[in-house]
Amino acid sequence: MLIDADWGDAMDEAAAESNMFFTCAVVLGVQAVAVALAMNRLNSRRGYWLNLLVLGVVDVVFLVVMVAPGYVDLVGGMSGPVIWLAAAVTSTLARRGYPTTP
């Protein structure tokens, strides 16, 4: 298979970056659901931190890869991190009163 020497235009690159990011987001989203089903339902401290950190990193990368270059508008791009922040605060407050497992 020969690869064309022409790398394409910026729109092809943007589409490739978008597909790459959303593929990674789906994989990490499935991971988050699996952790939630296996660990968070038992109030696991490891599951809490794993999901908090992984999903936080996904939101930061989304801002850097999609919002900063202008592929996604600022208002639409900030909705995910705002929801993540609200979920992080409420889940942290909810965990404070219950016993946890390691």
PDB file of N, CA and C in Angstrom:
ATOM      1  N   MET A   1       0.846  -1.165   0.000  1.00  0.00           N
ATOM      2  CA  MET A   1       0.000   0.000   0.000  1.00  0.00           C
ATOM      3  C   MET A   1       0.890   1.227   0.000  1.00  0.00           C
ATOM      4  N   LEU A   2       0.703   2.084  -0.948  1.00  0.00           N
ATOM      5  CA  LEU A   2       1.473   3.311  -1.047  1.00  0.00           C
ATOM      6  C   LEU A   2       0.754   4.438  -0.330  1.00  0.00           C
ATOM      7  N   ILE A   3       1.527   5.244   0.362  1.00  0.00           N
ATOM      8  CA  ILE A   3       0.968   6.401   1.046  1.00  0.00           C
ATOM      9  C   ILE A   3       1.270   7.624   0.211  1.00  0.00           C
ATOM     10  N   ASP A   4       0.257   8.414  -0.058  1.00  0.00           N
ATOM     11  CA  ASP A   4       0.417   9.621  -0.854  1.00  0.00           C
ATOM     12  C   ASP A   4       1.308  10.603  -0.099  1.00  0.00           C
ATOM     13  N   ALA A   5       2.216  11.239  -0.790  1.00  0.00           N
ATOM     14  CA  ALA A   5       3.122  12.197  -0.178  1.00  0.00           C
ATOM     15  C   ALA A   5       2.398  13.460   0.247  1.00  0.00           C
ATOM     16  N   ASP A   6       1.245  13.743  -0.336  1.00  0.00           N
ATOM     17  CA  ASP A   6       0.467  14.913   0.034  1.00  0.00           C
ATOM     18  C   ASP A   6      -0.257  14.605   1.347  1.00  0.00           C
ATOM     19  N   TRP A   7       0.015  15.388   2.372  1.00  0.00           N
ATOM     20  CA  TRP A   7      -0.541  15.120   3.699  1.00  0.00           C
ATOM     21  C   TRP A   7      -1.960  15.635   3.847  1.00  0.00           C
ATOM     22  N   GLY A   8      -2.497  16.273   2.838  1.00  0.00           N
ATOM     23  CA  GLY A   8      -3.868  16.751   2.914  1.00  0.00           C
ATOM     24  C   GLY A   8      -3.935  18.156   3.489  1.00  0.00           C
ATOM     25  N   ASP A   9      -5.135  18.656   3.555  1.00  0.00           N
ATOM     26  CA  ASP A   9      -5.299  20.013   4.048  1.00  0.00           C
ATOM     27  C   ASP A   9      -5.622  20.012   5.539  1.00  0.00           C
ATOM     28  N   ALA A  10      -5.836  21.195   6.065  1.00  0.00           N
ATOM     29  CA  ALA A  10      -6.076  21.333   7.501  1.00  0.00           C
ATOM     30  C   ALA A  10      -7.374  20.665   7.935  1.00  0.00           C
ATOM     31  N   MET A  11      -8.359  20.639   7.070  1.00  0.00           N
ATOM     32  CA  MET A  11      -9.628  20.008   7.439  1.00  0.00           C
ATOM     33  C   MET A  11      -9.466  18.501   7.624  1.00  0.00           C
ATOM     34  N   ASP A  12      -8.638  17.873   6.799  1.00  0.00           N
ATOM     35  CA  ASP A  12      -8.375  16.445   6.987  1.00  0.00           C
ATOM     36  C   ASP A  12      -7.677  16.199   8.315  1.00  0.00           C
ATOM     37  N   GLU A  13      -6.742  17.072   8.651  1.00  0.00           N
ATOM     38  CA  GLU A  13      -6.023  16.944   9.918  1.00  0.00           C
ATOM     39  C   GLU A  13      -6.975  17.153  11.093  1.00  0.00           C
ATOM     40  N   ALA A  14      -7.849  18.138  10.983  1.00  0.00           N
ATOM     41  CA  ALA A  14      -8.821  18.384  12.050  1.00  0.00           C
ATOM     42  C   ALA A  14      -9.756  17.196  12.213  1.00  0.00           C
ATOM     43  N   ALA A  15     -10.185  16.616  11.110  1.00  0.00           N
ATOM     44  CA  ALA A  15     -11.066  15.447  11.182  1.00  0.00           C
ATOM     45  C   ALA A  15     -10.343  14.263  11.815  1.00  0.00           C
ATOM     46  N   ALA A  16      -9.080  14.082  11.484  1.00  0.00           N
ATOM     47  CA  ALA A  16      -8.303  12.985  12.069  1.00  0.00           C
ATOM     48  C   ALA A  16      -8.113  13.194  13.568  1.00  0.00           C
ATOM     49  N   GLU A  17      -7.796  14.423  13.977  1.00  0.00           N
ATOM     50  CA  GLU A  17      -7.643  14.709  15.402  1.00  0.00           C
ATOM     51  C   GLU A  17      -8.955  14.502  16.144  1.00  0.00           C
ATOM     52  N   SER A  18     -10.039  14.927  15.522  1.00  0.00           N
ATOM     53  CA  SER A  18     -11.345  14.765  16.138  1.00  0.00           C
ATOM     54  C   SER A  18     -11.694  13.286  16.300  1.00  0.00           C
ATOM     55  N   ASN A  19     -11.479  12.501  15.260  1.00  0.00           N
ATOM     56  CA  ASN A  19     -11.746  11.057  15.347  1.00  0.00           C
ATOM     57  C   ASN A  19     -10.866  10.388  16.389  1.00  0.00           C
ATOM     58  N   MET A  20      -9.587  10.778  16.445  1.00  0.00           N
ATOM     59  CA  MET A  20      -8.683  10.205  17.427  1.00  0.00           C
ATOM     60  C   MET A  20      -9.142  10.527  18.844  1.00  0.00           C
ATOM     61  N   PHE A  21      -9.489  11.798  19.079  1.00  0.00           N
ATOM     62  CA  PHE A  21      -9.908  12.185  20.423  1.00  0.00           C
ATOM     63  C   PHE A  21     -11.180  11.458  20.831  1.00  0.00           C
ATOM     64  N   PHE A  22     -12.174  11.428  19.949  1.00  0.00           N
ATOM     65  CA  PHE A  22     -13.442  10.813  20.325  1.00  0.00           C
ATOM     66  C   PHE A  22     -13.319   9.304  20.486  1.00  0.00           C
ATOM     67  N   THR A  23     -12.414   8.668  19.750  1.00  0.00           N
ATOM     68  CA  THR A  23     -12.158   7.246  19.966  1.00  0.00           C
ATOM     69  C   THR A  23     -11.558   7.019  21.353  1.00  0.00           C
ATOM     70  N   CYS A  24     -10.598   7.844  21.716  1.00  0.00           N
ATOM     71  CA  CYS A  24     -10.001   7.737  23.054  1.00  0.00           C
ATOM     72  C   CYS A  24     -11.034   8.035  24.136  1.00  0.00           C
ATOM     73  N   ALA A  25     -11.883   9.033  23.904  1.00  0.00           N
ATOM     74  CA  ALA A  25     -12.911   9.381  24.888  1.00  0.00           C
ATOM     75  C   ALA A  25     -13.898   8.238  25.085  1.00  0.00           C
ATOM     76  N   VAL A  26     -14.256   7.541  24.003  1.00  0.00           N
ATOM     77  CA  VAL A  26     -15.176   6.410  24.126  1.00  0.00           C
ATOM     78  C   VAL A  26     -14.522   5.283  24.920  1.00  0.00           C
ATOM     79  N   VAL A  27     -13.270   4.983  24.619  1.00  0.00           N
ATOM     80  CA  VAL A  27     -12.567   3.918  25.342  1.00  0.00           C
ATOM     81  C   VAL A  27     -12.460   4.260  26.828  1.00  0.00           C
ATOM     82  N   LEU A  28     -12.076   5.497  27.138  1.00  0.00           N
ATOM     83  CA  LEU A  28     -11.959   5.885  28.538  1.00  0.00           C
ATOM     84  C   LEU A  28     -13.324   6.016  29.204  1.00  0.00           C
ATOM     85  N   GLY A  29     -14.358   6.337  28.426  1.00  0.00           N
ATOM     86  CA  GLY A  29     -15.711   6.353  28.969  1.00  0.00           C
ATOM     87  C   GLY A  29     -16.177   4.960  29.351  1.00  0.00           C
ATOM     88  N   VAL A  30     -15.869   3.990  28.521  1.00  0.00           N
ATOM     89  CA  VAL A  30     -16.204   2.596  28.844  1.00  0.00           C
ATOM     90  C   VAL A  30     -15.437   2.157  30.092  1.00  0.00           C
ATOM     91  N   GLN A  31     -14.187   2.578  30.194  1.00  0.00           N
ATOM     92  CA  GLN A  31     -13.389   2.275  31.388  1.00  0.00           C
ATOM     93  C   GLN A  31     -14.038   2.882  32.626  1.00  0.00           C
ATOM     94  N   ALA A  32     -14.532   4.115  32.517  1.00  0.00           N
ATOM     95  CA  ALA A  32     -15.164   4.787  33.655  1.00  0.00           C
ATOM     96  C   ALA A  32     -16.432   4.060  34.087  1.00  0.00           C
ATOM     97  N   VAL A  33     -17.216   3.596  33.128  1.00  0.00           N
ATOM     98  CA  VAL A  33     -18.433   2.854  33.458  1.00  0.00           C
ATOM     99  C   VAL A  33     -18.066   1.523  34.125  1.00  0.00           C
ATOM    100  N   ALA A  34     -17.039   0.857  33.613  1.00  0.00           N
ATOM    101  CA  ALA A  34     -16.610  -0.410  34.208  1.00  0.00           C
ATOM    102  C   ALA A  34     -16.128  -0.209  35.643  1.00  0.00           C
ATOM    103  N   VAL A  35     -15.368   0.840  35.880  1.00  0.00           N
ATOM    104  CA  VAL A  35     -14.898   1.140  37.248  1.00  0.00           C
ATOM    105  C   VAL A  35     -16.090   1.468  38.139  1.00  0.00           C
ATOM    106  N   ALA A  36     -17.046   2.232  37.608  1.00  0.00           N
ATOM    107  CA  ALA A  36     -18.222   2.576  38.406  1.00  0.00           C
ATOM    108  C   ALA A  36     -19.007   1.331  38.804  1.00  0.00           C
ATOM    109  N   LEU A  37     -19.164   0.405  37.867  1.00  0.00           N
ATOM    110  CA  LEU A  37     -19.917  -0.815  38.175  1.00  0.00           C
ATOM    111  C   LEU A  37     -19.165  -1.745  39.108  1.00  0.00           C
ATOM    112  N   ALA A  38     -17.858  -1.823  38.937  1.00  0.00           N
ATOM    113  CA  ALA A  38     -17.077  -2.775  39.727  1.00  0.00           C
ATOM    114  C   ALA A  38     -16.625  -2.218  41.075  1.00  0.00           C
ATOM    115  N   MET A  39     -16.294  -0.935  41.125  1.00  0.00           N
ATOM    116  CA  MET A  39     -15.674  -0.400  42.331  1.00  0.00           C
ATOM    117  C   MET A  39     -16.498   0.674  43.024  1.00  0.00           C
ATOM    118  N   ASN A  40     -17.032   1.624  42.275  1.00  0.00           N
ATOM    119  CA  ASN A  40     -17.713   2.754  42.902  1.00  0.00           C
ATOM    120  C   ASN A  40     -19.004   2.354  43.587  1.00  0.00           C
ATOM    121  N   ARG A  41     -19.662   1.329  43.098  1.00  0.00           N
ATOM    122  CA  ARG A  41     -20.894   0.902  43.765  1.00  0.00           C
ATOM    123  C   ARG A  41     -20.608   0.325  45.150  1.00  0.00           C
ATOM    124  N   LEU A  42     -19.354  -0.066  45.384  1.00  0.00           N
ATOM    125  CA  LEU A  42     -18.932  -0.543  46.700  1.00  0.00           C
ATOM    126  C   LEU A  42     -18.274   0.570  47.514  1.00  0.00           C
ATOM    127  N   ASN A  43     -18.338   1.803  46.998  1.00  0.00           N
ATOM    128  CA  ASN A  43     -17.754   2.982  47.639  1.00  0.00           C
ATOM    129  C   ASN A  43     -16.241   2.834  47.802  1.00  0.00           C
ATOM    130  N   SER A  44     -15.587   2.354  46.768  1.00  0.00           N
ATOM    131  CA  SER A  44     -14.146   2.143  46.780  1.00  0.00           C
ATOM    132  C   SER A  44     -13.395   3.459  46.616  1.00  0.00           C
ATOM    133  N   ARG A  45     -12.418   3.671  47.463  1.00  0.00           N
ATOM    134  CA  ARG A  45     -11.580   4.868  47.375  1.00  0.00           C
ATOM    135  C   ARG A  45     -10.766   4.862  46.082  1.00  0.00           C
ATOM    136  N   ARG A  46     -10.238   3.699  45.714  1.00  0.00           N
ATOM    137  CA  ARG A  46      -9.458   3.602  44.470  1.00  0.00           C
ATOM    138  C   ARG A  46     -10.321   3.896  43.236  1.00  0.00           C
ATOM    139  N   GLY A  47     -11.521   3.369  43.218  1.00  0.00           N
ATOM    140  CA  GLY A  47     -12.422   3.623  42.104  1.00  0.00           C
ATOM    141  C   GLY A  47     -12.792   5.092  41.991  1.00  0.00           C
ATOM    142  N   TYR A  48     -13.016   5.731  43.136  1.00  0.00           N
ATOM    143  CA  TYR A  48     -13.331   7.162  43.158  1.00  0.00           C
ATOM    144  C   TYR A  48     -12.192   7.958  42.534  1.00  0.00           C
ATOM    145  N   TRP A  49     -10.966   7.735  43.004  1.00  0.00           N
ATOM    146  CA  TRP A  49      -9.827   8.498  42.486  1.00  0.00           C
ATOM    147  C   TRP A  49      -9.512   8.149  41.037  1.00  0.00           C
ATOM    148  N   LEU A  50      -9.652   6.887  40.679  1.00  0.00           N
ATOM    149  CA  LEU A  50      -9.387   6.481  39.301  1.00  0.00           C
ATOM    150  C   LEU A  50     -10.324   7.201  38.330  1.00  0.00           C
ATOM    151  N   ASN A  51     -11.613   7.179  38.625  1.00  0.00           N
ATOM    152  CA  ASN A  51     -12.557   7.863  37.743  1.00  0.00           C
ATOM    153  C   ASN A  51     -12.391   9.376  37.789  1.00  0.00           C
ATOM    154  N   LEU A  52     -12.143   9.915  38.967  1.00  0.00           N
ATOM    155  CA  LEU A  52     -11.967  11.366  39.077  1.00  0.00           C
ATOM    156  C   LEU A  52     -10.776  11.838  38.244  1.00  0.00           C
ATOM    157  N   LEU A  53      -9.666  11.142  38.340  1.00  0.00           N
ATOM    158  CA  LEU A  53      -8.466  11.554  37.607  1.00  0.00           C
ATOM    159  C   LEU A  53      -8.569  11.281  36.110  1.00  0.00           C
ATOM    160  N   VAL A  54      -9.032  10.100  35.731  1.00  0.00           N
ATOM    161  CA  VAL A  54      -9.108   9.760  34.304  1.00  0.00           C
ATOM    162  C   VAL A  54     -10.072  10.697  33.581  1.00  0.00           C
ATOM    163  N   LEU A  55     -11.250  10.905  34.129  1.00  0.00           N
ATOM    164  CA  LEU A  55     -12.220  11.767  33.456  1.00  0.00           C
ATOM    165  C   LEU A  55     -11.799  13.231  33.494  1.00  0.00           C
ATOM    166  N   GLY A  56     -11.092  13.630  34.548  1.00  0.00           N
ATOM    167  CA  GLY A  56     -10.555  14.995  34.583  1.00  0.00           C
ATOM    168  C   GLY A  56      -9.508  15.218  33.503  1.00  0.00           C
ATOM    169  N   VAL A  57      -8.644  14.239  33.305  1.00  0.00           N
ATOM    170  CA  VAL A  57      -7.626  14.343  32.256  1.00  0.00           C
ATOM    171  C   VAL A  57      -8.283  14.375  30.875  1.00  0.00           C
ATOM    172  N   VAL A  58      -9.312  13.561  30.676  1.00  0.00           N
ATOM    173  CA  VAL A  58     -10.016  13.566  29.391  1.00  0.00           C
ATOM    174  C   VAL A  58     -10.605  14.949  29.117  1.00  0.00           C
ATOM    175  N   ASP A  59     -11.188  15.585  30.124  1.00  0.00           N
ATOM    176  CA  ASP A  59     -11.763  16.913  29.925  1.00  0.00           C
ATOM    177  C   ASP A  59     -10.696  17.954  29.624  1.00  0.00           C
ATOM    178  N   VAL A  60      -9.559  17.883  30.299  1.00  0.00           N
ATOM    179  CA  VAL A  60      -8.476  18.837  30.027  1.00  0.00           C
ATOM    180  C   VAL A  60      -7.931  18.639  28.616  1.00  0.00           C
ATOM    181  N   VAL A  61      -7.746  17.396  28.215  1.00  0.00           N
ATOM    182  CA  VAL A  61      -7.256  17.122  26.862  1.00  0.00           C
ATOM    183  C   VAL A  61      -8.269  17.601  25.822  1.00  0.00           C
ATOM    184  N   PHE A  62      -9.554  17.436  26.105  1.00  0.00           N
ATOM    185  CA  PHE A  62     -10.579  17.942  25.193  1.00  0.00           C
ATOM    186  C   PHE A  62     -10.452  19.452  25.018  1.00  0.00           C
ATOM    187  N   LEU A  63     -10.220  20.152  26.112  1.00  0.00           N
ATOM    188  CA  LEU A  63     -10.053  21.603  26.014  1.00  0.00           C
ATOM    189  C   LEU A  63      -8.835  21.966  25.171  1.00  0.00           C
ATOM    190  N   VAL A  64      -7.748  21.240  25.368  1.00  0.00           N
ATOM    191  CA  VAL A  64      -6.514  21.538  24.633  1.00  0.00           C
ATOM    192  C   VAL A  64      -6.618  21.154  23.159  1.00  0.00           C
ATOM    193  N   VAL A  65      -7.171  19.978  22.869  1.00  0.00           N
ATOM    194  CA  VAL A  65      -7.174  19.463  21.498  1.00  0.00           C
ATOM    195  C   VAL A  65      -8.315  20.017  20.656  1.00  0.00           C
ATOM    196  N   MET A  66      -9.474  20.219  21.250  1.00  0.00           N
ATOM    197  CA  MET A  66     -10.638  20.597  20.451  1.00  0.00           C
ATOM    198  C   MET A  66     -11.072  22.049  20.643  1.00  0.00           C
ATOM    199  N   VAL A  67     -11.034  22.567  21.873  1.00  0.00           N
ATOM    200  CA  VAL A  67     -11.551  23.909  22.119  1.00  0.00           C
ATOM    201  C   VAL A  67     -10.503  24.972  21.803  1.00  0.00           C
ATOM    202  N   ALA A  68      -9.283  24.780  22.266  1.00  0.00           N
ATOM    203  CA  ALA A  68      -8.236  25.791  22.055  1.00  0.00           C
ATOM    204  C   ALA A  68      -7.980  26.089  20.576  1.00  0.00           C
ATOM    205  N   PRO A  69      -7.912  25.085  19.685  1.00  0.00           N
ATOM    206  CA  PRO A  69      -7.725  25.403  18.268  1.00  0.00           C
ATOM    207  C   PRO A  69      -8.973  25.969  17.596  1.00  0.00           C
ATOM    208  N   GLY A  70     -10.135  25.897  18.259  1.00  0.00           N
ATOM    209  CA  GLY A  70     -11.346  26.463  17.701  1.00  0.00           C
ATOM    210  C   GLY A  70     -12.243  25.484  16.972  1.00  0.00           C
ATOM    211  N   TYR A  71     -11.984  24.174  17.089  1.00  0.00           N
ATOM    212  CA  TYR A  71     -12.846  23.189  16.445  1.00  0.00           C
ATOM    213  C   TYR A  71     -14.217  23.114  17.121  1.00  0.00           C
ATOM    214  N   VAL A  72     -14.240  23.421  18.423  1.00  0.00           N
ATOM    215  CA  VAL A  72     -15.473  23.438  19.202  1.00  0.00           C
ATOM    216  C   VAL A  72     -15.570  24.810  19.861  1.00  0.00           C
ATOM    217  N   ASP A  73     -16.783  25.390  19.883  1.00  0.00           N
ATOM    218  CA  ASP A  73     -16.919  26.707  20.496  1.00  0.00           C
ATOM    219  C   ASP A  73     -16.717  26.619  22.007  1.00  0.00           C
ATOM    220  N   LEU A  74     -16.393  27.746  22.615  1.00  0.00           N
ATOM    221  CA  LEU A  74     -16.036  27.779  24.029  1.00  0.00           C
ATOM    222  C   LEU A  74     -17.188  27.342  24.925  1.00  0.00           C
ATOM    223  N   VAL A  75     -18.385  27.806  24.629  1.00  0.00           N
ATOM    224  CA  VAL A  75     -19.534  27.458  25.473  1.00  0.00           C
ATOM    225  C   VAL A  75     -19.809  25.956  25.404  1.00  0.00           C
ATOM    226  N   GLY A  76     -19.823  25.394  24.219  1.00  0.00           N
ATOM    227  CA  GLY A  76     -20.035  23.962  24.077  1.00  0.00           C
ATOM    228  C   GLY A  76     -18.898  23.143  24.658  1.00  0.00           C
ATOM    229  N   GLY A  77     -17.678  23.656  24.536  1.00  0.00           N
ATOM    230  CA  GLY A  77     -16.515  22.944  25.043  1.00  0.00           C
ATOM    231  C   GLY A  77     -16.400  22.964  26.550  1.00  0.00           C
ATOM    232  N   MET A  78     -16.955  23.979  27.181  1.00  0.00           N
ATOM    233  CA  MET A  78     -16.863  24.082  28.641  1.00  0.00           C
ATOM    234  C   MET A  78     -17.941  23.282  29.359  1.00  0.00           C
ATOM    235  N   SER A  79     -18.940  22.788  28.646  1.00  0.00           N
ATOM    236  CA  SER A  79     -20.018  22.067  29.316  1.00  0.00           C
ATOM    237  C   SER A  79     -19.524  20.778  29.979  1.00  0.00           C
ATOM    238  N   GLY A  80     -18.643  20.050  29.314  1.00  0.00           N
ATOM    239  CA  GLY A  80     -18.112  18.813  29.900  1.00  0.00           C
ATOM    240  C   GLY A  80     -17.305  19.058  31.169  1.00  0.00           C
ATOM    241  N   PRO A  81     -16.321  19.968  31.137  1.00  0.00           N
ATOM    242  CA  PRO A  81     -15.568  20.240  32.365  1.00  0.00           C
ATOM    243  C   PRO A  81     -16.424  20.805  33.495  1.00  0.00           C
ATOM    244  N   VAL A  82     -17.444  21.609  33.178  1.00  0.00           N
ATOM    245  CA  VAL A  82     -18.322  22.143  34.228  1.00  0.00           C
ATOM    246  C   VAL A  82     -19.111  21.008  34.874  1.00  0.00           C
ATOM    247  N   ILE A  83     -19.624  20.087  34.057  1.00  0.00           N
ATOM    248  CA  ILE A  83     -20.345  18.933  34.606  1.00  0.00           C
ATOM    249  C   ILE A  83     -19.403  18.061  35.421  1.00  0.00           C
ATOM    250  N   TRP A  84     -18.163  17.862  34.934  1.00  0.00           N
ATOM    251  CA  TRP A  84     -17.183  17.069  35.686  1.00  0.00           C
ATOM    252  C   TRP A  84     -16.908  17.716  37.041  1.00  0.00           C
ATOM    253  N   LEU A  85     -16.748  19.044  37.063  1.00  0.00           N
ATOM    254  CA  LEU A  85     -16.478  19.749  38.317  1.00  0.00           C
ATOM    255  C   LEU A  85     -17.648  19.600  39.285  1.00  0.00           C
ATOM    256  N   ALA A  86     -18.863  19.755  38.791  1.00  0.00           N
ATOM    257  CA  ALA A  86     -20.038  19.582  39.653  1.00  0.00           C
ATOM    258  C   ALA A  86     -20.125  18.154  40.185  1.00  0.00           C
ATOM    259  N   ALA A  87     -19.854  17.173  39.338  1.00  0.00           N
ATOM    260  CA  ALA A  87     -19.884  15.773  39.772  1.00  0.00           C
ATOM    261  C   ALA A  87     -18.777  15.484  40.782  1.00  0.00           C
ATOM    262  N   ALA A  88     -17.593  16.065  40.568  1.00  0.00           N
ATOM    263  CA  ALA A  88     -16.482  15.851  41.500  1.00  0.00           C
ATOM    264  C   ALA A  88     -16.809  16.429  42.878  1.00  0.00           C
ATOM    265  N   VAL A  89     -17.382  17.609  42.905  1.00  0.00           N
ATOM    266  CA  VAL A  89     -17.723  18.244  44.186  1.00  0.00           C
ATOM    267  C   VAL A  89     -18.817  17.462  44.893  1.00  0.00           C
ATOM    268  N   THR A  90     -19.888  17.123  44.180  1.00  0.00           N
ATOM    269  CA  THR A  90     -20.996  16.429  44.835  1.00  0.00           C
ATOM    270  C   THR A  90     -20.614  15.010  45.267  1.00  0.00           C
ATOM    271  N   SER A  91     -19.835  14.304  44.459  1.00  0.00           N
ATOM    272  CA  SER A  91     -19.439  12.951  44.868  1.00  0.00           C
ATOM    273  C   SER A  91     -18.459  12.998  46.036  1.00  0.00           C
ATOM    274  N   THR A  92     -17.611  14.006  46.081  1.00  0.00           N
ATOM    275  CA  THR A  92     -16.694  14.152  47.217  1.00  0.00           C
ATOM    276  C   THR A  92     -17.474  14.424  48.493  1.00  0.00           C
ATOM    277  N   LEU A  93     -18.454  15.314  48.418  1.00  0.00           N
ATOM    278  CA  LEU A  93     -19.276  15.596  49.598  1.00  0.00           C
ATOM    279  C   LEU A  93     -20.072  14.366  50.018  1.00  0.00           C
ATOM    280  N   ALA A  94     -20.576  13.607  49.070  1.00  0.00           N
ATOM    281  CA  ALA A  94     -21.363  12.419  49.388  1.00  0.00           C
ATOM    282  C   ALA A  94     -20.503  11.331  50.027  1.00  0.00           C
ATOM    283  N   ARG A  95     -19.258  11.222  49.618  1.00  0.00           N
ATOM    284  CA  ARG A  95     -18.377  10.172  50.149  1.00  0.00           C
ATOM    285  C   ARG A  95     -17.924  10.449  51.571  1.00  0.00           C
ATOM    286  N   ARG A  96     -17.985  11.672  52.000  1.00  0.00           N
ATOM    287  CA  ARG A  96     -17.437  12.043  53.311  1.00  0.00           C
ATOM    288  C   ARG A  96     -18.152  11.363  54.467  1.00  0.00           C
ATOM    289  N   GLY A  97     -19.425  11.056  54.310  1.00  0.00           N
ATOM    290  CA  GLY A  97     -20.184  10.519  55.428  1.00  0.00           C
ATOM    291  C   GLY A  97     -20.321   9.003  55.458  1.00  0.00           C
ATOM    292  N   TYR A  98     -19.737   8.300  54.515  1.00  0.00           N
ATOM    293  CA  TYR A  98     -19.943   6.860  54.428  1.00  0.00           C
ATOM    294  C   TYR A  98     -18.620   6.127  54.543  1.00  0.00           C
ATOM    295  N   PRO A  99     -18.641   4.911  55.116  1.00  0.00           N
ATOM    296  CA  PRO A  99     -17.403   4.123  55.177  1.00  0.00           C
ATOM    297  C   PRO A  99     -16.968   3.704  53.760  1.00  0.00           C
ATOM    298  N   THR A 100     -15.681   3.609  53.579  1.00  0.00           N
ATOM    299  CA  THR A 100     -15.152   3.258  52.261  1.00  0.00           C
ATOM    300  C   THR A 100     -14.355   1.953  52.323  1.00  0.00           C
ATOM    301  N   THR A 101     -14.181   1.385  51.159  1.00  0.00           N
ATOM    302  CA  THR A 101     -13.310   0.218  51.027  1.00  0.00           C
ATOM    303  C   THR A 101     -12.041   0.669  50.327  1.00  0.00           C
ATOM    304  N   PRO A 102     -10.929  -0.033  50.524  1.00  0.00           N
ATOM    305  CA  PRO A 102      -9.671   0.401  49.880  1.00  0.00           C
ATOM    306  C   PRO A 102      -9.680   0.323  48.386  1.00  0.00           C
TER     307      PRO A 102
END
